[in-house]
C-alpha cells in the first residue's frame, strides 16, 4: 500500500506540473523509438524481427532491444484501444499504465529491502527518501517507456529475494529476476554478477542460524539461484532469439554468449550444492567455487573473446566524436564534474554518503542484508563513475542505506532525552534527501555568479506540435540530425537516415557526410538515398556542434539561410522551430 501510495503521489505531482514529460520529449529519444517499435509490432511486424526499417539506409538496421519490454506495453495498448475504439487513446493509457505500477513495485521492493537491512524504524524514512529518489530520477515519469525502469525494478526484485528470502524459492526468484533483466539489456551485467557472487557466498558460508529471523539455508538459496538463472536464461533465450540466430554471438544484446555463461554458471552452482562431498567444509566449498569461476572465465575467453572488449571499442571515430562523447548517460564522472559540477553533486554526493554510513553501520552491527546492499551499491557507484547511466541504480540503492541511517537516529531519539538529538536527527533527514544536494549546488552556483546550464527550450524541437507540418507531407526519407531521428519516426510517417543508436553506423555516417560536407556532396547523398525532405532545427545542440565543426558545410550554410537552388523551403510559422526543405527533382 505504501508503494502504491508513493507512485500515485508522484503521478499527482506530474499532473500538477501539467505532465511535462508528455508535452515534450526532453531528449528522451529511446522512449519515442520504443513507441515506434511497439506500433510496428502491433501493425504486424514479426516478433523476432527487430529491424527498424524506417531508420538508416534502405532496408534499415537491426535494433538490440528486447521484445520483453515491447510485449506488455503493446498488450496495454491493445486492451485500452479495444475498449475506447482508438489506438491513440490506447497509447496514451499505456504511458500511464506502464510507469505508475512499475514505480509502485520498485518502491515496494525498496521498502522491503530497507526493512530487511534495518528494522521497522527504517520503513517510514524509506518511504519518503526512496520515493523522492525514484520521482526525481525521472525514469518512472509518465511516457518513459524505455527499459531503464524495468531493469531497476528487476534488480530490486533480485536484491529483495537475496536479502529477505532464506531458502530455495528465494534463490529461484533472484535467479529469474537476474536472467530477465540481463535479457532486457546488457547494462545490468554488473548487477547480475553481484547477485551471482552473493549466491555463491551464501553457498560458501553454508547453512547457519540467525537468532532474530530464523535459519539461513545458504546451500538451498544458492541452488535455487543457479536453477532460476539457468532456467529463466533458457526461457528468455528461446522466447527472444530466433532459431536461425541461436549460434550468432552479439555482445550488445542477449544472445548465445550471455545465455551460455549464465547457463554454465547457474547449472554449475546448483550442481555444486547437490553433492554433499563438495560442501563438507569451508575449504572444499571455496575450492569448488574457484574451480567453477575458472571454468566459466576460460569458456568465455575462449568462445567469445570479442565480447571482452570495451562496448563501443569498434565504433567509427567520427561517431565517437560527434555522438557518443556527447551522450549524457555515457559520460564518465570526471567529464560530468568538469562540464557541470552542479549536476555531478546531484549524481554522486548521496551515494558516497550512503557508502560511508552503511560501512560504519556494518562495523557496529554486521548483518547479511547490509553486506548484500553494500555490494550492490558499490557496484552501482563504480558503474556511475564509468558512465552516468549507473546513477539510475546508485541513487535508489543509496536511498535505502540513508533511510536505514535515519531509522537508526529515529530509534535513538525515541530512547534518549538529549536536547541535541532532535536537531541532529533533522540534519540527518536533510542530508539524506538527494534533492537537498541538488538544490544546494544550484544555490551555490548562483551565489558564485556562475551561468546556469542551458535548458531545452521549444526551439530545440522537443514538442510533438513541432512536427505537425512535417507529418503533413507525403511520406519520404528525411535528412535530419540524429537527435531528430526518433521524434520524426514517432510523429510522422517518414523515414530517416540518422538516429542516436550505435548499430545505425551507415545511416549516421551518411548524415554526417551530407551535413558536414559541401552542398554538392549533400546532393549526392540525397539522390542516392532517395531523400525528399531536409529538416533543420537551429535550436538543437547537435546542430550547433556540427556547424561549429564544419563552418563551410551544408548544414552550416542552411543555418545562415544559404540554401542551394535545388531546395525549396516550405512556409513556416513564427512559432515553428523546425524548418523544412523540399528537394526539387533533378531536371
Protein backbone atom coordinates (compact mmCIF):
# COMPACT_ATOMS: atom_id res chain seq x y z
CA UNK A 1 0.00 0.00 0.00
CA UNK A 2 2.86 2.38 0.72
CA UNK A 3 4.45 1.60 -2.63
CA UNK A 4 1.21 2.29 -4.46
CA UNK A 5 0.62 5.47 -2.45
CA UNK A 6 4.07 6.76 -3.34
CA UNK A 7 3.56 6.05 -7.05
CA UNK A 8 0.16 7.77 -7.05
CA UNK A 9 1.64 10.75 -5.20
CA UNK A 10 4.35 11.03 -7.86
CA UNK A 11 1.69 10.81 -10.57
CA UNK A 12 -0.20 13.63 -8.85
CA UNK A 13 2.92 15.80 -8.85
CA UNK A 14 3.35 15.19 -12.58
CA UNK A 15 -0.30 16.13 -13.09
CA UNK A 16 0.12 19.39 -11.13
CA UNK A 17 3.09 20.24 -13.36
CA UNK A 18 0.99 19.62 -16.47
CA UNK A 19 2.67 16.32 -17.41
CA UNK A 20 5.76 17.97 -18.91
CA UNK A 21 7.26 14.62 -19.94
CA UNK A 22 4.26 14.03 -22.21
CA UNK A 23 4.17 17.56 -23.62
CA UNK A 24 7.81 17.42 -24.74
CA UNK A 25 10.31 14.59 -25.20
CA UNK A 26 13.16 16.49 -23.49
CA UNK A 27 15.72 14.38 -25.30
CA UNK A 28 14.13 11.02 -24.46
CA UNK A 29 14.70 9.53 -27.90
CA UNK A 30 14.63 5.96 -26.59
CA UNK A 31 11.04 6.19 -25.34
CA UNK A 32 9.96 7.65 -28.68
CA UNK A 33 11.65 4.87 -30.62
CA UNK A 34 10.11 2.31 -28.25
CA UNK A 35 6.71 3.70 -29.27
CA UNK A 36 7.67 3.17 -32.92
CA UNK A 37 8.78 -0.42 -32.24
CA UNK A 38 5.53 -1.20 -30.43
CA UNK A 39 3.46 0.28 -33.24
CA UNK A 40 5.39 -1.90 -35.70
CA UNK A 41 4.75 -4.98 -33.56
CA UNK A 42 1.03 -4.20 -33.28
CA UNK A 43 0.98 -3.47 -37.01
CA UNK A 44 2.18 -6.96 -37.86
CA UNK A 45 5.99 -6.92 -37.76
CA UNK A 46 7.22 -10.35 -36.69
CA UNK A 47 8.10 -11.00 -33.04
CA UNK A 48 11.68 -11.97 -33.85
CA UNK A 49 12.14 -9.24 -36.47
CA UNK A 50 13.88 -6.38 -34.67
CA UNK A 51 14.66 -4.42 -37.83
CA UNK A 52 13.94 -0.71 -37.70
CA UNK A 53 13.05 -0.36 -41.36
CA UNK A 54 12.36 3.38 -41.21
CA UNK A 55 15.81 4.39 -39.97
CA UNK A 56 19.19 4.13 -41.64
CA UNK A 57 19.99 3.20 -45.23
CA UNK A 58 17.37 1.38 -47.36
CA UNK A 59 16.44 -1.81 -45.51
CA UNK A 60 17.10 -0.29 -42.09
CA UNK A 61 19.14 -1.99 -39.39
CA UNK A 62 18.57 -4.47 -36.56
CA UNK A 63 17.96 -2.95 -33.12
CA UNK A 64 19.44 -4.54 -29.99
CA UNK A 65 16.44 -4.03 -27.71
CA UNK A 66 14.27 -6.78 -26.25
CA UNK A 67 10.68 -7.66 -27.05
CA UNK A 68 10.25 -8.42 -23.35
CA UNK A 69 9.57 -4.71 -22.84
CA UNK A 70 7.58 -4.22 -26.04
CA UNK A 71 5.11 -7.02 -25.31
CA UNK A 72 3.43 -5.84 -22.08
CA UNK A 73 3.15 -2.25 -23.31
CA UNK A 74 1.66 -3.48 -26.59
CA UNK A 75 -0.84 -5.56 -24.59
CA UNK A 76 -1.91 -2.48 -22.60
CA UNK A 77 -2.37 -0.51 -25.82
CA UNK A 78 -4.42 -3.26 -27.45
CA UNK A 79 -6.71 -3.67 -24.43
CA UNK A 80 -7.22 0.07 -23.99
CA UNK A 81 -7.75 0.70 -27.69
CA UNK A 82 -10.27 -2.15 -27.87
CA UNK A 83 -12.27 -0.55 -25.06
CA UNK A 84 -12.04 3.01 -26.39
CA UNK A 85 -12.00 2.24 -30.10
CA UNK A 86 -8.97 4.46 -30.70
CA UNK A 87 -5.34 3.34 -30.98
CA UNK A 88 -4.10 6.80 -29.99
CA UNK A 89 -6.11 6.59 -26.77
CA UNK A 90 -4.64 3.17 -26.10
CA UNK A 91 -1.13 4.61 -26.43
CA UNK A 92 -1.98 7.46 -24.07
CA UNK A 93 -3.31 5.00 -21.48
CA UNK A 94 -0.18 2.87 -21.76
CA UNK A 95 2.08 5.82 -20.97
CA UNK A 96 0.48 5.97 -17.50
CA UNK A 97 -0.47 2.33 -17.01
CA UNK A 98 3.11 1.18 -17.53
CA UNK A 99 5.22 3.57 -15.47
CA UNK A 100 2.97 4.07 -12.43
CA UNK A 101 2.62 0.35 -11.47
CA UNK A 102 6.33 -0.10 -12.14
CA UNK A 103 7.15 2.70 -9.71
CA UNK A 104 4.77 1.19 -7.16
CA UNK A 105 6.57 -2.15 -7.49
CA UNK A 106 10.02 -0.54 -7.27
CA UNK A 107 9.10 1.48 -4.18
CA UNK A 108 7.55 -1.59 -2.52
CA UNK A 109 10.78 -3.50 -3.09
CA UNK A 110 12.87 -0.61 -1.75
CA UNK A 111 10.78 -0.60 1.42
CA UNK A 112 11.17 -4.37 1.83
CA UNK A 113 14.94 -4.09 1.45
CA UNK A 114 15.11 -1.19 3.92
CA UNK A 115 13.18 -3.23 6.50
CA UNK A 116 15.47 -6.21 5.87
CA UNK A 117 18.68 -4.16 6.26
CA UNK A 118 17.38 -2.11 9.19
CA UNK A 119 14.13 -2.67 11.00
CA UNK A 120 10.67 -1.14 11.30
CA UNK A 121 12.21 2.21 12.20
CA UNK A 122 13.58 2.44 8.65
CA UNK A 123 10.26 1.98 6.82
CA UNK A 124 8.84 5.49 7.15
CA UNK A 125 12.15 7.18 6.21
CA UNK A 126 12.46 4.77 3.30
CA UNK A 127 9.02 5.74 2.03
CA UNK A 128 9.99 9.42 1.89
CA UNK A 129 13.63 9.18 0.83
CA UNK A 130 13.19 6.36 -1.69
CA UNK A 131 10.01 7.81 -3.19
CA UNK A 132 11.82 11.12 -3.68
CA UNK A 133 14.77 9.33 -5.27
CA UNK A 134 12.55 7.49 -7.75
CA UNK A 135 10.46 10.57 -8.57
CA UNK A 136 13.35 12.95 -9.17
CA UNK A 137 15.33 10.37 -11.15
CA UNK A 138 12.70 10.74 -13.88
CA UNK A 139 12.84 7.12 -15.03
CA UNK A 140 9.27 6.49 -13.84
CA UNK A 141 7.78 9.66 -15.32
CA UNK A 142 4.68 9.19 -17.50
CA UNK A 143 5.78 8.44 -21.03
CA UNK A 144 9.16 6.97 -20.04
CA UNK A 145 8.77 3.54 -21.61
CA UNK A 146 12.46 2.97 -22.09
CA UNK A 147 13.88 -0.16 -20.42
CA UNK A 148 15.80 1.50 -17.56
CA UNK A 149 12.84 1.50 -15.17
CA UNK A 150 12.19 -2.18 -15.94
CA UNK A 151 15.83 -3.06 -15.30
CA UNK A 152 15.88 -1.17 -11.99
CA UNK A 153 12.69 -2.88 -10.79
CA UNK A 154 14.04 -6.32 -11.70
CA UNK A 155 17.33 -5.55 -9.96
CA UNK A 156 15.45 -4.53 -6.82
CA UNK A 157 13.44 -7.75 -7.04
CA UNK A 158 16.67 -9.76 -7.12
CA UNK A 159 18.10 -7.85 -4.15
CA UNK A 160 14.86 -8.29 -2.19
CA UNK A 161 14.89 -12.05 -2.74
CA UNK A 162 18.53 -12.27 -1.67
CA UNK A 163 18.03 -10.01 1.38
CA UNK A 164 14.71 -11.29 2.71
CA UNK A 165 14.49 -14.82 1.33
CA UNK A 166 16.19 -17.59 3.22
CA UNK A 167 15.66 -20.70 1.13
CA UNK A 168 15.36 -22.37 -2.27
CA UNK A 169 12.40 -20.35 -3.57
CA UNK A 170 14.13 -17.07 -2.74
CA UNK A 171 17.12 -18.18 -4.77
CA UNK A 172 14.91 -19.10 -7.73
CA UNK A 173 13.21 -15.69 -7.62
CA UNK A 174 16.55 -13.90 -7.60
CA UNK A 175 17.87 -16.02 -10.47
CA UNK A 176 14.77 -15.43 -12.60
CA UNK A 177 14.96 -11.67 -12.00
CA UNK A 178 18.63 -11.63 -12.96
CA UNK A 179 18.13 -13.61 -16.17
CA UNK A 180 15.22 -11.39 -17.18
CA UNK A 181 16.99 -8.09 -16.57
CA UNK A 182 20.03 -9.36 -18.46
CA UNK A 183 17.79 -10.24 -21.40
CA UNK A 184 16.30 -6.74 -21.31
CA UNK A 185 19.71 -5.07 -21.66
CA UNK A 186 23.42 -5.60 -21.13
CA UNK A 187 23.70 -2.57 -18.82
CA UNK A 188 22.66 -4.81 -15.91
CA UNK A 189 25.53 -7.27 -16.29
CA UNK A 190 27.44 -5.87 -13.25
CA UNK A 191 24.38 -6.34 -11.01
CA UNK A 192 23.78 -9.87 -12.27
CA UNK A 193 27.42 -10.59 -11.44
CA UNK A 194 26.99 -9.21 -7.91
CA UNK A 195 23.84 -11.30 -7.43
CA UNK A 196 25.73 -14.38 -8.57
CA UNK A 197 28.56 -13.62 -6.15
CA UNK A 198 26.02 -13.16 -3.36
CA UNK A 199 24.50 -16.56 -4.07
CA UNK A 200 27.98 -18.08 -4.22
CA UNK A 201 28.87 -16.55 -0.84
CA UNK A 202 25.64 -17.98 0.59
CA UNK A 203 26.82 -21.43 -0.51
CA UNK A 204 30.32 -20.75 0.79
CA UNK A 205 29.07 -19.80 4.27
CA UNK A 206 26.71 -22.77 4.34
CA UNK A 207 23.57 -23.22 6.42
CA UNK A 208 23.71 -21.16 9.61
CA UNK A 209 21.33 -19.97 12.33
CA UNK A 210 20.25 -16.37 12.81
CA UNK A 211 18.55 -15.74 16.10
CA UNK A 212 16.24 -12.94 15.03
CA UNK A 213 14.95 -14.14 11.70
CA UNK A 214 15.38 -17.88 11.63
CA UNK A 215 17.90 -20.13 9.87
CA UNK A 216 19.61 -19.20 6.64
CA UNK A 217 19.80 -22.12 4.21
CA UNK A 218 22.75 -20.90 2.14
CA UNK A 219 23.10 -24.02 0.02
CA UNK A 220 19.41 -24.07 -0.83
CA UNK A 221 19.40 -20.39 -1.78
CA UNK A 222 22.47 -20.87 -3.98
CA UNK A 223 20.93 -23.92 -5.66
CA UNK A 224 17.70 -22.02 -6.29
CA UNK A 225 19.60 -19.08 -7.77
CA UNK A 226 21.51 -21.36 -10.11
CA UNK A 227 18.37 -23.13 -11.30
CA UNK A 228 16.49 -19.83 -11.66
CA UNK A 229 19.31 -18.18 -13.61
CA UNK A 230 19.86 -21.11 -15.97
CA UNK A 231 16.16 -21.95 -16.40
CA UNK A 232 14.95 -18.40 -16.97
CA UNK A 233 18.02 -17.73 -19.10
CA UNK A 234 16.98 -20.57 -21.40
CA UNK A 235 13.35 -19.43 -21.44
CA UNK A 236 14.12 -15.84 -22.46
CA UNK A 237 16.70 -17.05 -24.98
CA UNK A 238 14.14 -19.21 -26.75
CA UNK A 239 11.48 -16.51 -26.42
CA UNK A 240 13.51 -13.61 -27.80
CA UNK A 241 16.18 -15.06 -30.10
CA UNK A 242 15.13 -16.65 -33.43
CA UNK A 243 16.34 -20.20 -34.02
CA UNK A 244 18.31 -19.02 -37.05
CA UNK A 245 20.33 -16.77 -34.73
CA UNK A 246 20.93 -19.15 -31.84
CA UNK A 247 24.61 -19.61 -32.64
CA UNK A 248 25.28 -16.00 -33.64
CA UNK A 249 27.08 -14.07 -30.88
CA UNK A 250 26.04 -10.46 -30.21
CA UNK A 251 27.89 -8.67 -27.46
CA UNK A 252 25.41 -5.80 -27.10
CA UNK A 253 22.24 -7.91 -26.84
CA UNK A 254 21.13 -11.12 -25.19
CA UNK A 255 22.39 -13.98 -27.34
CA UNK A 256 24.46 -17.16 -27.16
CA UNK A 257 27.42 -15.64 -25.19
CA UNK A 258 25.26 -14.28 -22.38
CA UNK A 259 22.97 -17.31 -22.27
CA UNK A 260 25.76 -19.88 -22.28
CA UNK A 261 27.71 -18.13 -19.50
CA UNK A 262 24.53 -17.79 -17.40
CA UNK A 263 23.61 -21.43 -18.02
CA UNK A 264 27.05 -22.80 -17.16
CA UNK A 265 27.31 -20.61 -14.06
CA UNK A 266 23.80 -21.43 -12.86
CA UNK A 267 23.96 -25.16 -13.50
CA UNK A 268 27.46 -25.31 -12.04
CA UNK A 269 26.37 -23.60 -8.83
CA UNK A 270 23.28 -25.78 -8.49
CA UNK A 271 25.32 -28.93 -9.18
CA UNK A 272 27.88 -27.98 -6.53
CA UNK A 273 25.15 -27.88 -3.89
CA UNK A 274 23.82 -31.27 -4.99
CA UNK A 275 26.99 -33.15 -3.99
CA UNK A 276 27.43 -33.27 -0.21
CA UNK A 277 31.08 -34.23 -0.59
CA UNK A 278 31.85 -30.86 -2.16
CA UNK A 279 30.27 -28.94 0.70
CA UNK A 280 31.58 -30.69 3.79
CA UNK A 281 33.90 -27.85 4.78
CA UNK A 282 34.55 -24.22 4.05
CA UNK A 283 37.75 -25.12 2.21
CA UNK A 284 36.02 -27.65 -0.03
CA UNK A 285 33.24 -25.20 -0.88
CA UNK A 286 35.78 -22.48 -1.65
CA UNK A 287 37.72 -24.83 -3.90
CA UNK A 288 34.55 -25.79 -5.74
CA UNK A 289 33.59 -22.16 -6.34
CA UNK A 290 37.06 -21.23 -7.54
CA UNK A 291 37.06 -24.16 -9.97
CA UNK A 292 33.65 -23.09 -11.30
CA UNK A 293 34.81 -19.47 -11.70
CA UNK A 294 37.94 -20.53 -13.60
CA UNK A 295 35.91 -22.82 -15.87
CA UNK A 296 33.36 -20.11 -16.69
CA UNK A 297 36.06 -17.49 -17.29
CA UNK A 298 38.08 -19.83 -19.51
CA UNK A 299 34.98 -20.68 -21.54
CA UNK A 300 34.06 -17.00 -22.02
CA UNK A 301 37.58 -16.06 -23.10
CA UNK A 302 37.95 -19.00 -25.45
CA UNK A 303 34.48 -18.92 -27.02
CA UNK A 304 33.64 -15.20 -27.12
CA UNK A 305 36.82 -13.12 -26.82
CA UNK A 306 35.25 -10.30 -28.86
CA UNK A 307 32.80 -9.61 -26.05
CA UNK A 308 35.60 -8.83 -23.60
CA UNK A 309 36.44 -5.55 -25.35
CA UNK A 310 35.01 -2.16 -24.41
CA UNK A 311 31.35 -1.91 -25.50
CA UNK A 312 31.97 0.77 -28.16
CA UNK A 313 35.59 0.00 -28.99
CA UNK A 314 34.82 -0.63 -32.65
CA UNK A 315 32.62 2.44 -33.18
CA UNK A 316 33.70 4.75 -36.01
CA UNK A 317 35.86 7.62 -34.63
CA UNK A 318 33.58 10.25 -36.14
CA UNK A 319 30.57 8.77 -34.35
CA UNK A 320 32.61 8.70 -31.15
CA UNK A 321 33.40 12.41 -31.58
CA UNK A 322 30.07 13.76 -32.80
CA UNK A 323 27.68 11.42 -30.98
CA UNK A 324 28.84 9.06 -28.22
CA UNK A 325 31.09 11.56 -26.45
CA UNK A 326 28.07 13.84 -26.08
CA UNK A 327 25.52 11.25 -24.85
CA UNK A 328 24.78 12.24 -21.23
CA UNK A 329 24.31 8.72 -19.84
CA UNK A 330 27.61 7.58 -21.37
CA UNK A 331 29.73 10.29 -19.71
CA UNK A 332 32.31 9.35 -17.04
CA UNK A 333 32.43 11.06 -13.65
CA UNK A 334 35.37 13.32 -14.44
CA UNK A 335 33.69 14.75 -17.54
CA UNK A 336 30.40 15.40 -15.72
CA UNK A 337 32.33 17.10 -12.92
CA UNK A 338 34.27 19.35 -15.31
CA UNK A 339 31.28 20.18 -17.52
CA UNK A 340 28.59 20.63 -14.88
CA UNK A 341 29.63 20.22 -11.25
CA UNK A 342 26.10 21.10 -10.12
CA UNK A 343 24.73 18.04 -11.90
CA UNK A 344 27.61 15.95 -10.51
CA UNK A 345 26.58 16.92 -6.97
CA UNK A 346 23.11 15.54 -7.59
CA UNK A 347 24.54 12.34 -9.03
CA UNK A 348 27.34 11.44 -6.64
CA UNK A 349 27.08 13.02 -3.16
CA UNK A 350 24.37 10.80 -1.68
CA UNK A 351 25.89 7.50 -2.94
CA UNK A 352 29.22 8.46 -1.33
CA UNK A 353 27.45 9.40 1.91
CA UNK A 354 25.46 6.16 1.78
CA UNK A 355 28.59 4.05 1.34
CA UNK A 356 30.15 5.76 4.36
CA UNK A 357 27.20 5.43 6.74
CA UNK A 358 26.40 1.88 5.63
CA UNK A 359 30.03 0.84 6.09
CA UNK A 360 30.08 2.35 9.59
CA UNK A 361 26.80 0.64 10.49
CA UNK A 362 28.13 -2.74 9.37
CA UNK A 363 31.23 -2.24 11.52
CA UNK A 364 29.00 -1.78 14.56
CA UNK A 365 26.18 -4.15 13.63
CA UNK A 366 27.02 -6.61 10.89
CA UNK A 367 24.22 -8.44 9.12
CA UNK A 368 23.95 -10.31 5.82
CA UNK A 369 21.31 -7.97 4.38
CA UNK A 370 23.53 -4.95 4.96
CA UNK A 371 26.51 -6.59 3.25
CA UNK A 372 24.36 -7.53 0.25
CA UNK A 373 23.14 -3.95 -0.08
CA UNK A 374 26.72 -2.69 0.25
CA UNK A 375 27.87 -4.99 -2.56
CA UNK A 376 25.15 -3.81 -4.95
CA UNK A 377 25.60 -0.15 -4.02
CA UNK A 378 29.35 -0.38 -4.53
CA UNK A 379 28.85 -1.94 -7.97
CA UNK A 380 26.29 0.72 -8.97
CA UNK A 381 28.54 3.54 -7.77
CA UNK A 382 31.51 2.09 -9.68
CA UNK A 383 29.38 1.89 -12.84
CA UNK A 384 28.27 5.51 -12.35
CA UNK A 385 31.91 6.61 -12.19
CA UNK A 386 32.47 4.92 -15.54
CA UNK A 387 29.18 6.03 -17.10
CA UNK A 388 26.43 8.23 -15.70
CA UNK A 389 23.84 5.54 -16.54
CA UNK A 390 24.85 3.82 -13.28
CA UNK A 391 23.18 6.65 -11.34
CA UNK A 392 19.79 5.10 -12.17
CA UNK A 393 20.77 2.29 -9.79
CA UNK A 394 23.12 4.02 -7.33
CA UNK A 395 20.67 6.72 -6.18
CA UNK A 396 17.78 4.38 -5.19
CA UNK A 397 20.20 1.96 -3.51
CA UNK A 398 21.83 4.86 -1.67
CA UNK A 399 18.36 5.95 -0.56
CA UNK A 400 17.90 2.59 1.20
CA UNK A 401 21.13 2.94 3.17
CA UNK A 402 20.33 6.52 4.12
CA UNK A 403 16.79 5.56 5.16
CA UNK A 404 18.24 2.91 7.48
CA UNK A 405 20.56 5.61 8.87
CA UNK A 406 17.60 7.90 9.54
CA UNK A 407 15.74 4.97 11.09
CA UNK A 408 18.61 4.36 13.50
CA UNK A 409 18.51 8.02 14.53
CA UNK A 410 14.72 7.88 14.99
CA UNK A 411 15.15 4.91 17.30
CA UNK A 412 17.99 6.61 19.19
CA UNK A 413 15.97 9.81 19.59
CA UNK A 414 13.00 7.86 20.95
CA UNK A 415 15.21 6.35 23.65
CA UNK A 416 17.04 9.47 24.76
CA UNK A 417 16.12 12.85 26.24
CA UNK A 418 19.21 14.59 24.89
CA UNK A 419 18.14 18.06 23.71
CA UNK A 420 20.52 17.87 20.78
CA UNK A 421 19.14 14.61 19.42
CA UNK A 422 16.20 16.16 17.57
CA UNK A 423 18.32 18.78 15.71
CA UNK A 424 20.81 16.06 14.84
CA UNK A 425 18.08 13.82 13.50
CA UNK A 426 16.66 16.73 11.48
CA UNK A 427 20.10 17.26 9.94
CA UNK A 428 20.38 13.55 9.13
CA UNK A 429 16.98 13.72 7.42
CA UNK A 430 18.04 16.75 5.40
CA UNK A 431 21.35 15.38 4.09
CA UNK A 432 19.75 12.01 3.26
CA UNK A 433 17.49 13.54 0.59
CA UNK A 434 19.29 13.70 -2.73
CA UNK A 435 17.24 16.73 -3.78
CA UNK A 436 18.86 18.66 -0.91
CA UNK A 437 22.27 18.39 -2.52
CA UNK A 438 20.93 19.33 -5.95
CA UNK A 439 19.21 22.44 -4.55
CA UNK A 440 22.29 23.37 -2.51
CA UNK A 441 24.56 23.01 -5.54
CA UNK A 442 22.27 25.17 -7.68
CA UNK A 443 22.13 27.80 -4.93
CA UNK A 444 25.91 27.80 -4.53
CA UNK A 445 26.39 28.10 -8.27
CA UNK A 446 24.00 31.06 -8.43
CA UNK A 447 25.68 32.72 -5.43
CA UNK A 448 29.05 32.43 -7.14
CA UNK A 449 27.65 34.04 -10.26
CA UNK A 450 28.06 31.02 -12.50
CA UNK A 451 25.96 30.88 -15.64
CA UNK A 452 23.06 28.44 -15.39
CA UNK A 453 23.34 25.35 -17.63
CA UNK A 454 21.39 25.54 -20.86
CA UNK A 455 17.83 24.23 -20.61
CA UNK A 456 15.99 22.75 -23.55
CA UNK A 457 13.53 25.25 -24.95
CA UNK A 458 10.83 24.93 -27.59
CA UNK A 459 13.42 25.97 -30.18
CA UNK A 460 15.16 22.59 -29.71
CA UNK A 461 12.22 20.82 -31.41
CA UNK A 462 11.12 18.76 -28.42
CA UNK A 463 7.34 19.28 -28.64
CA UNK A 464 5.02 16.97 -30.54
CA UNK A 465 3.45 20.01 -32.19
CA UNK A 466 6.79 20.92 -33.76
CA UNK A 467 6.37 18.02 -36.20
CA UNK A 468 2.81 18.71 -37.37
CA UNK A 469 3.83 20.39 -40.65
CA UNK A 470 6.42 17.69 -41.37
CA UNK A 471 3.84 14.95 -40.72
CA UNK A 472 1.50 16.54 -43.27
CA UNK A 473 3.98 15.98 -46.11
CA UNK A 474 3.85 12.91 -48.33
CA UNK A 475 5.88 10.02 -46.85
CA UNK A 476 9.54 10.09 -47.86
CA UNK A 477 13.01 9.88 -46.35
CA UNK A 478 14.08 12.89 -44.29
CA UNK A 479 17.65 14.11 -43.88
CA UNK A 480 17.97 15.40 -40.30
CA UNK A 481 20.44 15.32 -37.42
CA UNK A 482 20.43 12.15 -35.31
CA UNK A 483 18.68 13.86 -32.36
CA UNK A 484 15.61 14.30 -34.55
CA UNK A 485 15.55 10.73 -35.86
CA UNK A 486 13.30 9.13 -33.23
CA UNK A 487 10.90 12.12 -32.95
CA UNK A 488 10.39 12.13 -36.73
CA UNK A 489 9.61 8.40 -36.75
CA UNK A 490 7.22 8.70 -33.80
CA UNK A 491 5.41 11.79 -35.02
CA UNK A 492 5.29 11.40 -38.79
CA UNK A 493 5.03 8.70 -41.47
CA UNK A 494 8.53 9.44 -42.82
CA UNK A 495 11.78 7.52 -42.52
CA UNK A 496 15.18 8.98 -41.60
CA UNK A 497 18.85 8.26 -42.18
CA UNK A 498 20.23 9.14 -38.74
CA UNK A 499 19.32 8.20 -35.19
CA UNK A 500 21.32 8.03 -31.92
CA UNK A 501 21.87 4.26 -31.96
CA UNK A 502 25.25 2.57 -32.23
CA UNK A 503 24.08 -0.09 -34.68
CA UNK A 504 22.98 2.52 -37.22
CA UNK A 505 26.55 3.17 -38.31
CA UNK A 506 25.90 3.53 -42.05
CA UNK A 507 22.93 5.85 -41.71
CA UNK A 508 24.63 8.09 -39.16
CA UNK A 509 27.79 8.39 -41.24
CA UNK A 510 25.76 9.23 -44.35
CA UNK A 511 24.03 12.04 -42.45
CA UNK A 512 27.35 13.35 -41.12
CA UNK A 513 28.86 13.32 -44.61
CA UNK A 514 25.87 15.19 -46.00
CA UNK A 515 25.70 17.86 -43.30
CA UNK A 516 29.41 18.45 -42.81
CA UNK A 517 30.34 18.22 -46.50
CA UNK A 518 29.60 20.63 -49.33
CA UNK A 519 26.18 21.17 -50.87
CA UNK A 520 27.28 19.08 -53.86
CA UNK A 521 28.23 16.19 -51.55
CA UNK A 522 24.91 16.52 -49.75
CA UNK A 523 23.10 16.39 -53.08
CA UNK A 524 24.85 13.12 -53.92
CA UNK A 525 23.79 11.56 -50.60
CA UNK A 526 20.25 12.84 -51.05
CA UNK A 527 19.91 11.37 -54.53
CA UNK A 528 21.48 8.01 -53.69
CA UNK A 529 19.16 7.56 -50.68
CA UNK A 530 16.02 8.98 -52.31
CA UNK A 531 15.66 11.73 -49.74
CA UNK A 532 12.69 14.03 -50.33
CA UNK A 533 12.89 16.41 -47.35
CA UNK A 534 15.59 18.11 -45.29
CA UNK A 535 14.72 19.14 -41.73
CA UNK A 536 16.65 21.84 -39.84
CA UNK A 537 16.35 22.60 -36.12
CA UNK A 538 18.54 25.60 -35.30
CA UNK A 539 18.00 25.36 -31.55
CA UNK A 540 19.19 21.77 -31.16
CA UNK A 541 22.61 21.27 -29.55
CA UNK A 542 23.66 18.79 -32.24
CA UNK A 543 23.08 21.43 -34.94
CA UNK A 544 25.39 23.82 -33.11
CA UNK A 545 28.02 21.10 -32.71
CA UNK A 546 28.10 20.14 -36.39
CA UNK A 547 28.05 23.71 -37.67
CA UNK A 548 30.93 24.65 -35.38
CA UNK A 549 32.94 21.64 -36.53
CA UNK A 550 32.23 22.27 -40.24
CA UNK A 551 31.51 26.02 -40.74
CA UNK A 552 31.76 25.64 -44.51
CA UNK A 553 29.49 22.60 -44.61
CA UNK A 554 25.98 22.13 -45.94
CA UNK A 555 24.29 22.32 -42.51
CA UNK A 556 26.15 25.49 -41.56
CA UNK A 557 25.07 27.10 -44.82
CA UNK A 558 21.43 26.23 -44.10
CA UNK A 559 21.64 27.85 -40.66
CA UNK A 560 22.88 31.02 -42.36
CA UNK A 561 19.93 30.93 -44.75
CA UNK A 562 22.11 29.93 -47.70
CA UNK A 563 20.18 27.07 -49.25
CA UNK A 564 21.08 25.69 -52.71
CA UNK A 565 18.68 26.19 -55.59
CA UNK A 566 17.66 22.52 -55.52
CA UNK A 567 15.99 23.03 -52.13
CA UNK A 568 12.62 24.70 -51.65
CA UNK A 569 11.84 25.98 -48.15
CA UNK A 570 8.27 25.30 -47.04
CA UNK A 571 6.26 28.10 -45.37
CA UNK A 572 6.97 28.28 -41.66
CA UNK A 573 5.03 29.92 -38.84
CA UNK A 574 6.91 32.03 -36.30
CA UNK A 575 6.14 29.50 -33.55
CA UNK A 576 7.52 26.54 -35.51
CA UNK A 577 11.21 25.86 -34.74
CA UNK A 578 11.53 23.05 -37.32
CA UNK A 579 12.43 24.31 -40.80
CA UNK A 580 11.52 22.02 -43.68
CA UNK A 581 13.05 21.99 -47.15
CA UNK A 582 11.64 20.03 -50.08
CA UNK A 583 14.18 18.57 -52.51
CA UNK A 584 13.42 19.72 -56.03
CA UNK A 585 13.62 16.88 -58.56
CA UNK A 586 16.64 16.95 -60.81
CA UNK A 587 15.78 18.08 -64.36
